[in-house]
Amino acid sequence: MPIKSYLAHPHSGKKESLIEALSALPNCEVIPAENENLLIVVTETDNQEQEDKLKQTIESLEDLKLLAMVSGFYATKDN
């Protein structure tokens, strides 16, 4: 299961609308920075194909200026 974290930079004045758009996506958690025009986005999906589709969806959002992956790894289900 891929888990990735990104820094998302919204266009000027679009932070709140980007938070709303990202929060509406499945498998996506958004944490806004308090003192910067920056969002932390964490995704957790079932497989790489689902992750790739989610990333494409995020990158297509109008209010997004830049998306940079910070960390990513694949966690296996060993239960």
PDB file of N, CA and C in Angstrom:
ATOM      1  N   MET A   1       0.843  -1.165   0.000  1.00  0.00           N
ATOM      2  CA  MET A   1       0.000   0.000   0.000  1.00  0.00           C
ATOM      3  C   MET A   1       0.897   1.240   0.000  1.00  0.00           C
ATOM      4  N   PRO A   2       0.852   2.023  -1.069  1.00  0.00           N
ATOM      5  CA  PRO A   2       1.672   3.238  -1.149  1.00  0.00           C
ATOM      6  C   PRO A   2       1.184   4.327  -0.189  1.00  0.00           C
ATOM      7  N   ILE A   3       2.127   4.907   0.519  1.00  0.00           N
ATOM      8  CA  ILE A   3       1.862   6.053   1.377  1.00  0.00           C
ATOM      9  C   ILE A   3       2.851   7.124   0.958  1.00  0.00           C
ATOM     10  N   LYS A   4       2.340   8.280   0.572  1.00  0.00           N
ATOM     11  CA  LYS A   4       3.212   9.351   0.088  1.00  0.00           C
ATOM     12  C   LYS A   4       2.825  10.668   0.728  1.00  0.00           C
ATOM     13  N   SER A   5       3.819  11.533   0.877  1.00  0.00           N
ATOM     14  CA  SER A   5       3.542  12.882   1.383  1.00  0.00           C
ATOM     15  C   SER A   5       4.087  13.895   0.389  1.00  0.00           C
ATOM     16  N   TYR A   6       3.350  14.972   0.246  1.00  0.00           N
ATOM     17  CA  TYR A   6       3.672  16.023  -0.714  1.00  0.00           C
ATOM     18  C   TYR A   6       3.588  17.387  -0.041  1.00  0.00           C
ATOM     19  N   LEU A   7       4.309  18.351  -0.596  1.00  0.00           N
ATOM     20  CA  LEU A   7       4.100  19.750  -0.280  1.00  0.00           C
ATOM     21  C   LEU A   7       3.336  20.338  -1.450  1.00  0.00           C
ATOM     22  N   ALA A   8       2.225  20.972  -1.168  1.00  0.00           N
ATOM     23  CA  ALA A   8       1.397  21.566  -2.213  1.00  0.00           C
ATOM     24  C   ALA A   8       1.396  23.080  -2.032  1.00  0.00           C
ATOM     25  N   HIS A   9       1.767  23.780  -3.089  1.00  0.00           N
ATOM     26  CA  HIS A   9       1.777  25.241  -3.085  1.00  0.00           C
ATOM     27  C   HIS A   9       0.592  25.730  -3.916  1.00  0.00           C
ATOM     28  N   PRO A  10      -0.339  26.422  -3.288  1.00  0.00           N
ATOM     29  CA  PRO A  10      -1.493  26.940  -4.045  1.00  0.00           C
ATOM     30  C   PRO A  10      -1.132  28.238  -4.766  1.00  0.00           C
ATOM     31  N   HIS A  11      -1.911  28.570  -5.785  1.00  0.00           N
ATOM     32  CA  HIS A  11      -1.786  29.886  -6.401  1.00  0.00           C
ATOM     33  C   HIS A  11      -2.165  30.930  -5.355  1.00  0.00           C
ATOM     34  N   SER A  12      -1.706  32.137  -5.553  1.00  0.00           N
ATOM     35  CA  SER A  12      -1.962  33.230  -4.621  1.00  0.00           C
ATOM     36  C   SER A  12      -3.460  33.381  -4.360  1.00  0.00           C
ATOM     37  N   GLY A  13      -3.824  33.406  -3.086  1.00  0.00           N
ATOM     38  CA  GLY A  13      -5.211  33.580  -2.688  1.00  0.00           C
ATOM     39  C   GLY A  13      -6.094  32.348  -2.832  1.00  0.00           C
ATOM     40  N   LYS A  14      -5.499  31.215  -3.154  1.00  0.00           N
ATOM     41  CA  LYS A  14      -6.287  30.005  -3.426  1.00  0.00           C
ATOM     42  C   LYS A  14      -6.075  28.892  -2.390  1.00  0.00           C
ATOM     43  N   LYS A  15      -5.460  29.216  -1.269  1.00  0.00           N
ATOM     44  CA  LYS A  15      -5.154  28.191  -0.261  1.00  0.00           C
ATOM     45  C   LYS A  15      -6.414  27.497   0.243  1.00  0.00           C
ATOM     46  N   GLU A  16      -7.426  28.263   0.626  1.00  0.00           N
ATOM     47  CA  GLU A  16      -8.639  27.668   1.186  1.00  0.00           C
ATOM     48  C   GLU A  16      -9.385  26.816   0.163  1.00  0.00           C
ATOM     49  N   SER A  17      -9.468  27.284  -1.070  1.00  0.00           N
ATOM     50  CA  SER A  17     -10.180  26.494  -2.081  1.00  0.00           C
ATOM     51  C   SER A  17      -9.397  25.234  -2.439  1.00  0.00           C
ATOM     52  N   LEU A  18      -8.069  25.295  -2.365  1.00  0.00           N
ATOM     53  CA  LEU A  18      -7.272  24.088  -2.610  1.00  0.00           C
ATOM     54  C   LEU A  18      -7.443  23.095  -1.464  1.00  0.00           C
ATOM     55  N   ILE A  19      -7.505  23.588  -0.249  1.00  0.00           N
ATOM     56  CA  ILE A  19      -7.771  22.710   0.905  1.00  0.00           C
ATOM     57  C   ILE A  19      -9.092  21.974   0.707  1.00  0.00           C
ATOM     58  N   GLU A  20     -10.117  22.694   0.294  1.00  0.00           N
ATOM     59  CA  GLU A  20     -11.431  22.086   0.078  1.00  0.00           C
ATOM     60  C   GLU A  20     -11.387  21.027  -1.020  1.00  0.00           C
ATOM     61  N   ALA A  21     -10.711  21.344  -2.122  1.00  0.00           N
ATOM     62  CA  ALA A  21     -10.639  20.409  -3.246  1.00  0.00           C
ATOM     63  C   ALA A  21      -9.873  19.145  -2.859  1.00  0.00           C
ATOM     64  N   LEU A  22      -8.753  19.311  -2.168  1.00  0.00           N
ATOM     65  CA  LEU A  22      -7.947  18.151  -1.764  1.00  0.00           C
ATOM     66  C   LEU A  22      -8.674  17.323  -0.708  1.00  0.00           C
ATOM     67  N   SER A  23      -9.333  17.979   0.218  1.00  0.00           N
ATOM     68  CA  SER A  23     -10.049  17.274   1.286  1.00  0.00           C
ATOM     69  C   SER A  23     -11.195  16.430   0.750  1.00  0.00           C
ATOM     70  N   ALA A  24     -11.720  16.809  -0.389  1.00  0.00           N
ATOM     71  CA  ALA A  24     -12.833  16.071  -0.990  1.00  0.00           C
ATOM     72  C   ALA A  24     -12.375  14.798  -1.701  1.00  0.00           C
ATOM     73  N   LEU A  25     -11.077  14.656  -1.924  1.00  0.00           N
ATOM     74  CA  LEU A  25     -10.562  13.480  -2.628  1.00  0.00           C
ATOM     75  C   LEU A  25     -10.440  12.288  -1.670  1.00  0.00           C
ATOM     76  N   PRO A  26     -10.754  11.086  -2.148  1.00  0.00           N
ATOM     77  CA  PRO A  26     -10.576   9.902  -1.295  1.00  0.00           C
ATOM     78  C   PRO A  26      -9.097   9.606  -1.092  1.00  0.00           C
ATOM     79  N   ASN A  27      -8.758   9.012   0.033  1.00  0.00           N
ATOM     80  CA  ASN A  27      -7.393   8.573   0.343  1.00  0.00           C
ATOM     81  C   ASN A  27      -6.406   9.730   0.446  1.00  0.00           C
ATOM     82  N   CYS A  28      -6.908  10.910   0.797  1.00  0.00           N
ATOM     83  CA  CYS A  28      -6.076  12.108   0.799  1.00  0.00           C
ATOM     84  C   CYS A  28      -6.348  12.910   2.070  1.00  0.00           C
ATOM     85  N   GLU A  29      -5.283  13.224   2.822  1.00  0.00           N
ATOM     86  CA  GLU A  29      -5.407  14.041   4.021  1.00  0.00           C
ATOM     87  C   GLU A  29      -4.610  15.320   3.819  1.00  0.00           C
ATOM     88  N   VAL A  30      -5.175  16.448   4.241  1.00  0.00           N
ATOM     89  CA  VAL A  30      -4.550  17.751   4.037  1.00  0.00           C
ATOM     90  C   VAL A  30      -4.277  18.417   5.378  1.00  0.00           C
ATOM     91  N   ILE A  31      -3.054  18.912   5.536  1.00  0.00           N
ATOM     92  CA  ILE A  31      -2.666  19.618   6.749  1.00  0.00           C
ATOM     93  C   ILE A  31      -2.116  20.978   6.314  1.00  0.00           C
ATOM     94  N   PRO A  32      -2.840  22.066   6.592  1.00  0.00           N
ATOM     95  CA  PRO A  32      -2.353  23.383   6.182  1.00  0.00           C
ATOM     96  C   PRO A  32      -1.278  23.912   7.127  1.00  0.00           C
ATOM     97  N   ALA A  33      -0.263  24.544   6.565  1.00  0.00           N
ATOM     98  CA  ALA A  33       0.732  25.231   7.381  1.00  0.00           C
ATOM     99  C   ALA A  33       0.078  26.483   7.955  1.00  0.00           C
ATOM    100  N   GLU A  34       0.421  26.822   9.179  1.00  0.00           N
ATOM    101  CA  GLU A  34      -0.194  27.981   9.818  1.00  0.00           C
ATOM    102  C   GLU A  34       0.451  29.295   9.402  1.00  0.00           C
ATOM    103  N   ASN A  35       1.725  29.261   9.058  1.00  0.00           N
ATOM    104  CA  ASN A  35       2.429  30.515   8.797  1.00  0.00           C
ATOM    105  C   ASN A  35       2.945  30.656   7.363  1.00  0.00           C
ATOM    106  N   GLU A  36       2.563  29.769   6.470  1.00  0.00           N
ATOM    107  CA  GLU A  36       3.019  29.816   5.085  1.00  0.00           C
ATOM    108  C   GLU A  36       1.869  29.478   4.150  1.00  0.00           C
ATOM    109  N   ASN A  37       2.016  29.850   2.909  1.00  0.00           N
ATOM    110  CA  ASN A  37       1.045  29.509   1.870  1.00  0.00           C
ATOM    111  C   ASN A  37       1.417  28.119   1.347  1.00  0.00           C
ATOM    112  N   LEU A  38       1.209  27.101   2.185  1.00  0.00           N
ATOM    113  CA  LEU A  38       1.697  25.762   1.924  1.00  0.00           C
ATOM    114  C   LEU A  38       0.776  24.743   2.569  1.00  0.00           C
ATOM    115  N   LEU A  39       0.606  23.606   1.890  1.00  0.00           N
ATOM    116  CA  LEU A  39      -0.192  22.512   2.431  1.00  0.00           C
ATOM    117  C   LEU A  39       0.645  21.242   2.434  1.00  0.00           C
ATOM    118  N   ILE A  40       0.447  20.421   3.442  1.00  0.00           N
ATOM    119  CA  ILE A  40       1.035  19.085   3.484  1.00  0.00           C
ATOM    120  C   ILE A  40      -0.076  18.130   3.089  1.00  0.00           C
ATOM    121  N   VAL A  41       0.193  17.295   2.113  1.00  0.00           N
ATOM    122  CA  VAL A  41      -0.797  16.352   1.611  1.00  0.00           C
ATOM    123  C   VAL A  41      -0.257  14.939   1.808  1.00  0.00           C
ATOM    124  N   VAL A  42      -1.017  14.092   2.471  1.00  0.00           N
ATOM    125  CA  VAL A  42      -0.633  12.699   2.684  1.00  0.00           C
ATOM    126  C   VAL A  42      -1.654  11.814   1.979  1.00  0.00           C
ATOM    127  N   THR A  43      -1.145  10.900   1.161  1.00  0.00           N
ATOM    128  CA  THR A  43      -2.026   9.970   0.458  1.00  0.00           C
ATOM    129  C   THR A  43      -1.708   8.549   0.892  1.00  0.00           C
ATOM    130  N   GLU A  44      -2.739   7.739   0.965  1.00  0.00           N
ATOM    131  CA  GLU A  44      -2.588   6.318   1.280  1.00  0.00           C
ATOM    132  C   GLU A  44      -3.575   5.550   0.410  1.00  0.00           C
ATOM    133  N   THR A  45      -3.057   4.747  -0.489  1.00  0.00           N
ATOM    134  CA  THR A  45      -3.893   4.022  -1.440  1.00  0.00           C
ATOM    135  C   THR A  45      -3.607   2.526  -1.352  1.00  0.00           C
ATOM    136  N   ASP A  46      -4.426   1.742  -2.022  1.00  0.00           N
ATOM    137  CA  ASP A  46      -4.292   0.288  -1.970  1.00  0.00           C
ATOM    138  C   ASP A  46      -3.209  -0.260  -2.894  1.00  0.00           C
ATOM    139  N   ASN A  47      -2.905   0.471  -3.975  1.00  0.00           N
ATOM    140  CA  ASN A  47      -1.894  -0.021  -4.923  1.00  0.00           C
ATOM    141  C   ASN A  47      -1.322   1.156  -5.716  1.00  0.00           C
ATOM    142  N   GLN A  48      -0.280   0.878  -6.469  1.00  0.00           N
ATOM    143  CA  GLN A  48       0.407   1.938  -7.197  1.00  0.00           C
ATOM    144  C   GLN A  48      -0.468   2.560  -8.286  1.00  0.00           C
ATOM    145  N   GLU A  49      -1.293   1.752  -8.923  1.00  0.00           N
ATOM    146  CA  GLU A  49      -2.179   2.286  -9.963  1.00  0.00           C
ATOM    147  C   GLU A  49      -3.138   3.322  -9.377  1.00  0.00           C
ATOM    148  N   GLN A  50      -3.709   3.007  -8.225  1.00  0.00           N
ATOM    149  CA  GLN A  50      -4.616   3.934  -7.554  1.00  0.00           C
ATOM    150  C   GLN A  50      -3.860   5.203  -7.139  1.00  0.00           C
ATOM    151  N   GLU A  51      -2.642   5.049  -6.665  1.00  0.00           N
ATOM    152  CA  GLU A  51      -1.817   6.197  -6.277  1.00  0.00           C
ATOM    153  C   GLU A  51      -1.522   7.091  -7.476  1.00  0.00           C
ATOM    154  N   ASP A  52      -1.177   6.479  -8.595  1.00  0.00           N
ATOM    155  CA  ASP A  52      -0.882   7.251  -9.807  1.00  0.00           C
ATOM    156  C   ASP A  52      -2.092   8.058 -10.262  1.00  0.00           C
ATOM    157  N   LYS A  53      -3.271   7.460 -10.205  1.00  0.00           N
ATOM    158  CA  LYS A  53      -4.499   8.168 -10.600  1.00  0.00           C
ATOM    159  C   LYS A  53      -4.790   9.322  -9.647  1.00  0.00           C
ATOM    160  N   LEU A  54      -4.592   9.085  -8.349  1.00  0.00           N
ATOM    161  CA  LEU A  54      -4.827  10.139  -7.370  1.00  0.00           C
ATOM    162  C   LEU A  54      -3.858  11.297  -7.594  1.00  0.00           C
ATOM    163  N   LYS A  55      -2.602  10.989  -7.845  1.00  0.00           N
ATOM    164  CA  LYS A  55      -1.603  12.047  -8.089  1.00  0.00           C
ATOM    165  C   LYS A  55      -1.970  12.856  -9.330  1.00  0.00           C
ATOM    166  N   GLN A  56      -2.412  12.189 -10.385  1.00  0.00           N
ATOM    167  CA  GLN A  56      -2.834  12.899 -11.594  1.00  0.00           C
ATOM    168  C   GLN A  56      -4.013  13.822 -11.300  1.00  0.00           C
ATOM    169  N   THR A  57      -4.938  13.356 -10.492  1.00  0.00           N
ATOM    170  CA  THR A  57      -6.086  14.173 -10.115  1.00  0.00           C
ATOM    171  C   THR A  57      -5.636  15.397  -9.331  1.00  0.00           C
ATOM    172  N   ILE A  58      -4.737  15.194  -8.376  1.00  0.00           N
ATOM    173  CA  ILE A  58      -4.225  16.314  -7.583  1.00  0.00           C
ATOM    174  C   ILE A  58      -3.517  17.321  -8.489  1.00  0.00           C
ATOM    175  N   GLU A  59      -2.670  16.834  -9.375  1.00  0.00           N
ATOM    176  CA  GLU A  59      -1.911  17.723 -10.254  1.00  0.00           C
ATOM    177  C   GLU A  59      -2.801  18.504 -11.222  1.00  0.00           C
ATOM    178  N   SER A  60      -4.014  18.035 -11.459  1.00  0.00           N
ATOM    179  CA  SER A  60      -4.908  18.711 -12.391  1.00  0.00           C
ATOM    180  C   SER A  60      -5.770  19.783 -11.720  1.00  0.00           C
ATOM    181  N   LEU A  61      -5.683  19.928 -10.408  1.00  0.00           N
ATOM    182  CA  LEU A  61      -6.491  20.926  -9.707  1.00  0.00           C
ATOM    183  C   LEU A  61      -6.060  22.339 -10.100  1.00  0.00           C
ATOM    184  N   GLU A  62      -7.028  23.176 -10.438  1.00  0.00           N
ATOM    185  CA  GLU A  62      -6.768  24.542 -10.902  1.00  0.00           C
ATOM    186  C   GLU A  62      -5.998  25.392  -9.909  1.00  0.00           C
ATOM    187  N   ASP A  63      -6.294  25.238  -8.635  1.00  0.00           N
ATOM    188  CA  ASP A  63      -5.707  26.100  -7.615  1.00  0.00           C
ATOM    189  C   ASP A  63      -4.302  25.683  -7.198  1.00  0.00           C
ATOM    190  N   LEU A  64      -3.814  24.576  -7.722  1.00  0.00           N
ATOM    191  CA  LEU A  64      -2.481  24.077  -7.386  1.00  0.00           C
ATOM    192  C   LEU A  64      -1.427  24.713  -8.286  1.00  0.00           C
ATOM    193  N   LYS A  65      -0.428  25.315  -7.661  1.00  0.00           N
ATOM    194  CA  LYS A  65       0.684  25.915  -8.403  1.00  0.00           C
ATOM    195  C   LYS A  65       1.826  24.913  -8.559  1.00  0.00           C
ATOM    196  N   LEU A  66       2.146  24.181  -7.473  1.00  0.00           N
ATOM    197  CA  LEU A  66       3.277  23.257  -7.480  1.00  0.00           C
ATOM    198  C   LEU A  66       3.016  22.123  -6.497  1.00  0.00           C
ATOM    199  N   LEU A  67       3.369  20.899  -6.903  1.00  0.00           N
ATOM    200  CA  LEU A  67       3.266  19.730  -6.034  1.00  0.00           C
ATOM    201  C   LEU A  67       4.627  19.051  -5.995  1.00  0.00           C
ATOM    202  N   ALA A  68       5.179  18.882  -4.796  1.00  0.00           N
ATOM    203  CA  ALA A  68       6.487  18.249  -4.649  1.00  0.00           C
ATOM    204  C   ALA A  68       6.385  17.084  -3.673  1.00  0.00           C
ATOM    205  N   MET A  69       6.791  15.888  -4.130  1.00  0.00           N
ATOM    206  CA  MET A  69       6.763  14.740  -3.233  1.00  0.00           C
ATOM    207  C   MET A  69       7.916  14.858  -2.239  1.00  0.00           C
ATOM    208  N   VAL A  70       7.602  14.616  -0.976  1.00  0.00           N
ATOM    209  CA  VAL A  70       8.588  14.686   0.096  1.00  0.00           C
ATOM    210  C   VAL A  70       9.075  13.294   0.463  1.00  0.00           C
ATOM    211  N   SER A  71       8.133  12.353   0.520  1.00  0.00           N
ATOM    212  CA  SER A  71       8.479  11.001   0.937  1.00  0.00           C
ATOM    213  C   SER A  71       7.448  10.023   0.374  1.00  0.00           C
ATOM    214  N   GLY A  72       7.913   8.837   0.063  1.00  0.00           N
ATOM    215  CA  GLY A  72       6.991   7.819  -0.393  1.00  0.00           C
ATOM    216  C   GLY A  72       7.537   6.441  -0.095  1.00  0.00           C
ATOM    217  N   PHE A  73       6.667   5.549   0.308  1.00  0.00           N
ATOM    218  CA  PHE A  73       7.073   4.155   0.524  1.00  0.00           C
ATOM    219  C   PHE A  73       5.889   3.235   0.337  1.00  0.00           C
ATOM    220  N   TYR A  74       6.180   1.987   0.189  1.00  0.00           N
ATOM    221  CA  TYR A  74       5.160   0.964  -0.041  1.00  0.00           C
ATOM    222  C   TYR A  74       5.112   0.079   1.190  1.00  0.00           C
ATOM    223  N   ALA A  75       3.995   0.092   1.899  1.00  0.00           N
ATOM    224  CA  ALA A  75       3.820  -0.724   3.097  1.00  0.00           C
ATOM    225  C   ALA A  75       3.048  -1.984   2.730  1.00  0.00           C
ATOM    226  N   THR A  76       3.542  -3.128   3.159  1.00  0.00           N
ATOM    227  CA  THR A  76       2.850  -4.378   2.881  1.00  0.00           C
ATOM    228  C   THR A  76       1.913  -4.711   4.032  1.00  0.00           C
ATOM    229  N   LYS A  77       0.908  -5.491   3.733  1.00  0.00           N
ATOM    230  CA  LYS A  77      -0.027  -5.938   4.750  1.00  0.00           C
ATOM    231  C   LYS A  77       0.446  -7.294   5.261  1.00  0.00           C
ATOM    232  N   ASP A  78       1.107  -7.317   6.417  1.00  0.00           N
ATOM    233  CA  ASP A  78       1.629  -8.545   6.996  1.00  0.00           C
ATOM    234  C   ASP A  78       0.832  -8.926   8.232  1.00  0.00           C
ATOM    235  N   ASN A  79      -0.429  -9.174   8.055  1.00  0.00           N
ATOM    236  CA  ASN A  79      -1.277  -9.537   9.204  1.00  0.00           C
ATOM    237  C   ASN A  79      -1.598 -10.996   9.183  1.00  0.00           C
TER     238      ASN A  79
END
